[in-house]
Amino acid sequence: MVNRILVIEDNKDILLALTDILELFGGYEVTGLQDGADIWDVITNDPPSLILMDIMLGEKDGRQICNEVKLNKETAHIPVILFSAMAKFVQLENTVHGPDEFFEKPFDMYQLLEKLKKYM
């Protein structure tokens, strides 16, 4: 079974770096999006084992997307890990259905890879 990770990050360079690290060092199959607009197409057509997503995504907030994923009975089982460089200003306690994990950017990639093993 291939473990698929959906990474949503609006910064193209960070998205590419995360994709490379997850594929090369984690052995995961990665689908990358720069915003949350196509998330439901990806989830419906090729469900991920986990969603790794930035909070600040431009038009759509990662907390909002996380909430939608967790409220949907078809996707509620998918672990969601949120991350943000604005951790000091991020309010997760107001999210009805929050993420399974949260990381502050920049984060240690080895710690992230270890944490992903918990959900795979």
C-alpha atoms as a PDB file:
ATOM      1  CA  MET A   1       0.000   0.000   0.000  1.00  0.00           C
ATOM      2  CA  VAL A   2       1.353   3.386  -1.020  1.00  0.00           C
ATOM      3  CA  ASN A   3       1.054   6.146   1.554  1.00  0.00           C
ATOM      4  CA  ARG A   4      -0.163   9.292  -0.172  1.00  0.00           C
ATOM      5  CA  ILE A   5       0.261  12.750   1.295  1.00  0.00           C
ATOM      6  CA  LEU A   6      -1.587  15.791   0.047  1.00  0.00           C
ATOM      7  CA  VAL A   7       0.532  18.890   0.694  1.00  0.00           C
ATOM      8  CA  ILE A   8      -1.113  22.298   0.416  1.00  0.00           C
ATOM      9  CA  GLU A   9       1.332  25.220   0.577  1.00  0.00           C
ATOM     10  CA  ASP A  10       0.968  28.527  -1.258  1.00  0.00           C
ATOM     11  CA  ASN A  11       4.725  29.176  -1.443  1.00  0.00           C
ATOM     12  CA  LYS A  12       5.911  27.259  -4.509  1.00  0.00           C
ATOM     13  CA  ASP A  13       9.500  26.869  -3.250  1.00  0.00           C
ATOM     14  CA  ILE A  14       8.377  25.458   0.098  1.00  0.00           C
ATOM     15  CA  LEU A  15       5.891  23.175  -1.660  1.00  0.00           C
ATOM     16  CA  LEU A  16       8.625  21.800  -3.924  1.00  0.00           C
ATOM     17  CA  ALA A  17      11.037  21.352  -0.997  1.00  0.00           C
ATOM     18  CA  LEU A  18       8.409  19.545   1.089  1.00  0.00           C
ATOM     19  CA  THR A  19       7.485  17.334  -1.863  1.00  0.00           C
ATOM     20  CA  ASP A  20      11.123  16.383  -2.472  1.00  0.00           C
ATOM     21  CA  ILE A  21      11.811  15.648   1.192  1.00  0.00           C
ATOM     22  CA  LEU A  22       8.664  13.576   1.664  1.00  0.00           C
ATOM     23  CA  GLU A  23       9.273  11.576  -1.503  1.00  0.00           C
ATOM     24  CA  LEU A  24      13.041  11.104  -1.156  1.00  0.00           C
ATOM     25  CA  PHE A  25      13.431  10.658   2.595  1.00  0.00           C
ATOM     26  CA  GLY A  26       9.960   9.463   3.573  1.00  0.00           C
ATOM     27  CA  GLY A  27       9.142   7.298   0.575  1.00  0.00           C
ATOM     28  CA  TYR A  28       5.699   8.882   0.273  1.00  0.00           C
ATOM     29  CA  GLU A  29       3.710   9.612  -2.852  1.00  0.00           C
ATOM     30  CA  VAL A  30       2.969  13.344  -2.760  1.00  0.00           C
ATOM     31  CA  THR A  31       0.347  15.476  -4.459  1.00  0.00           C
ATOM     32  CA  GLY A  32       0.987  19.199  -4.086  1.00  0.00           C
ATOM     33  CA  LEU A  33      -1.443  22.089  -4.331  1.00  0.00           C
ATOM     34  CA  GLN A  34      -0.715  25.810  -3.965  1.00  0.00           C
ATOM     35  CA  ASP A  35      -4.192  26.563  -2.615  1.00  0.00           C
ATOM     36  CA  GLY A  36      -7.188  24.682  -1.306  1.00  0.00           C
ATOM     37  CA  ALA A  37      -9.386  25.255  -4.350  1.00  0.00           C
ATOM     38  CA  ASP A  38      -8.925  21.756  -5.801  1.00  0.00           C
ATOM     39  CA  ILE A  39      -8.727  19.823  -2.548  1.00  0.00           C
ATOM     40  CA  TRP A  40     -12.041  18.041  -3.006  1.00  0.00           C
ATOM     41  CA  ASP A  41     -11.142  16.922  -6.541  1.00  0.00           C
ATOM     42  CA  VAL A  42      -7.913  15.399  -5.203  1.00  0.00           C
ATOM     43  CA  ILE A  43      -9.563  13.803  -2.165  1.00  0.00           C
ATOM     44  CA  THR A  44     -12.372  12.348  -4.271  1.00  0.00           C
ATOM     45  CA  ASN A  45     -10.200  11.022  -7.112  1.00  0.00           C
ATOM     46  CA  ASP A  46      -7.109   9.923  -5.172  1.00  0.00           C
ATOM     47  CA  PRO A  47      -7.731   9.987  -1.412  1.00  0.00           C
ATOM     48  CA  PRO A  48      -4.604  10.799   0.575  1.00  0.00           C
ATOM     49  CA  SER A  49      -3.476   8.960   3.685  1.00  0.00           C
ATOM     50  CA  LEU A  50      -2.735  12.342   5.280  1.00  0.00           C
ATOM     51  CA  ILE A  51      -3.102  16.071   4.565  1.00  0.00           C
ATOM     52  CA  LEU A  52      -0.196  18.386   5.392  1.00  0.00           C
ATOM     53  CA  MET A  53      -1.275  22.001   5.003  1.00  0.00           C
ATOM     54  CA  ASP A  54      -0.227  25.570   5.664  1.00  0.00           C
ATOM     55  CA  ILE A  55      -2.753  27.734   7.486  1.00  0.00           C
ATOM     56  CA  MET A  56      -2.244  30.905   5.453  1.00  0.00           C
ATOM     57  CA  LEU A  57      -3.294  29.975   1.928  1.00  0.00           C
ATOM     58  CA  GLY A  58      -4.495  33.246   0.473  1.00  0.00           C
ATOM     59  CA  GLU A  59      -8.206  33.023  -0.283  1.00  0.00           C
ATOM     60  CA  LYS A  60      -8.920  29.959   1.862  1.00  0.00           C
ATOM     61  CA  ASP A  61      -7.672  29.425   5.393  1.00  0.00           C
ATOM     62  CA  GLY A  62      -6.143  26.022   6.242  1.00  0.00           C
ATOM     63  CA  ARG A  63      -8.157  25.917   9.478  1.00  0.00           C
ATOM     64  CA  GLN A  64     -11.353  26.275   7.444  1.00  0.00           C
ATOM     65  CA  ILE A  65     -10.300  23.484   5.068  1.00  0.00           C
ATOM     66  CA  CYS A  66      -9.345  21.282   8.037  1.00  0.00           C
ATOM     67  CA  ASN A  67     -12.763  21.887   9.566  1.00  0.00           C
ATOM     68  CA  GLU A  68     -14.487  20.937   6.287  1.00  0.00           C
ATOM     69  CA  VAL A  69     -12.432  17.749   5.999  1.00  0.00           C
ATOM     70  CA  LYS A  70     -13.144  16.745   9.597  1.00  0.00           C
ATOM     71  CA  LEU A  71     -16.890  17.494   9.325  1.00  0.00           C
ATOM     72  CA  ASN A  72     -17.323  15.360   6.197  1.00  0.00           C
ATOM     73  CA  LYS A  73     -18.070  11.743   7.168  1.00  0.00           C
ATOM     74  CA  GLU A  74     -16.233  10.513   4.066  1.00  0.00           C
ATOM     75  CA  THR A  75     -12.996  12.318   4.951  1.00  0.00           C
ATOM     76  CA  ALA A  76     -13.089  12.741   8.744  1.00  0.00           C
ATOM     77  CA  HIS A  77     -10.697   9.790   9.182  1.00  0.00           C
ATOM     78  CA  ILE A  78      -7.911  11.497   7.193  1.00  0.00           C
ATOM     79  CA  PRO A  79      -5.279  12.937   9.553  1.00  0.00           C
ATOM     80  CA  VAL A  80      -4.640  16.654   9.024  1.00  0.00           C
ATOM     81  CA  ILE A  81      -1.404  18.328  10.062  1.00  0.00           C
ATOM     82  CA  LEU A  82      -1.369  22.115   9.911  1.00  0.00           C
ATOM     83  CA  PHE A  83       1.693  24.340   9.953  1.00  0.00           C
ATOM     84  CA  SER A  84       2.318  28.082  10.000  1.00  0.00           C
ATOM     85  CA  ALA A  85       5.074  30.629  10.343  1.00  0.00           C
ATOM     86  CA  MET A  86       2.594  32.770  12.260  1.00  0.00           C
ATOM     87  CA  ALA A  87       2.200  30.325  15.149  1.00  0.00           C
ATOM     88  CA  LYS A  88       2.133  33.083  17.766  1.00  0.00           C
ATOM     89  CA  PHE A  89      -0.945  34.556  16.103  1.00  0.00           C
ATOM     90  CA  VAL A  90      -2.728  31.342  15.110  1.00  0.00           C
ATOM     91  CA  GLN A  91      -5.815  30.434  17.088  1.00  0.00           C
ATOM     92  CA  LEU A  92      -6.557  26.718  16.872  1.00  0.00           C
ATOM     93  CA  GLU A  93      -8.800  26.463  19.908  1.00  0.00           C
ATOM     94  CA  ASN A  94     -11.612  28.231  18.018  1.00  0.00           C
ATOM     95  CA  THR A  95     -11.554  25.597  15.289  1.00  0.00           C
ATOM     96  CA  VAL A  96     -14.518  23.273  15.781  1.00  0.00           C
ATOM     97  CA  HIS A  97     -12.700  20.260  14.390  1.00  0.00           C
ATOM     98  CA  GLY A  98      -9.021  21.020  14.676  1.00  0.00           C
ATOM     99  CA  PRO A  99      -5.983  19.349  13.169  1.00  0.00           C
ATOM    100  CA  ASP A 100      -4.427  16.151  14.436  1.00  0.00           C
ATOM    101  CA  GLU A 101      -1.085  17.960  14.773  1.00  0.00           C
ATOM    102  CA  PHE A 102       0.365  21.441  14.410  1.00  0.00           C
ATOM    103  CA  PHE A 103       3.927  22.502  13.511  1.00  0.00           C
ATOM    104  CA  GLU A 104       5.492  25.937  13.556  1.00  0.00           C
ATOM    105  CA  LYS A 105       7.504  26.924  10.460  1.00  0.00           C
ATOM    106  CA  PRO A 106      10.332  26.543  10.055  1.00  0.00           C
ATOM    107  CA  PHE A 107      10.249  23.012  11.404  1.00  0.00           C
ATOM    108  CA  ASP A 108      12.775  20.233  11.567  1.00  0.00           C
ATOM    109  CA  MET A 109      12.141  17.849   8.679  1.00  0.00           C
ATOM    110  CA  TYR A 110      13.350  14.833  10.658  1.00  0.00           C
ATOM    111  CA  GLN A 111      10.810  15.580  13.387  1.00  0.00           C
ATOM    112  CA  LEU A 112       8.110  15.927  10.749  1.00  0.00           C
ATOM    113  CA  LEU A 113       9.046  12.606   9.147  1.00  0.00           C
ATOM    114  CA  GLU A 114       8.964  10.928  12.564  1.00  0.00           C
ATOM    115  CA  LYS A 115       5.550  12.451  13.312  1.00  0.00           C
ATOM    116  CA  LEU A 116       4.167  11.286   9.948  1.00  0.00           C
ATOM    117  CA  LYS A 117       5.014   7.683  10.838  1.00  0.00           C
ATOM    118  CA  LYS A 118       2.485   7.950  13.674  1.00  0.00           C
ATOM    119  CA  TYR A 119      -0.326   8.425  11.157  1.00  0.00           C
ATOM    120  CA  MET A 120       0.781   6.130   8.360  1.00  0.00           C
END
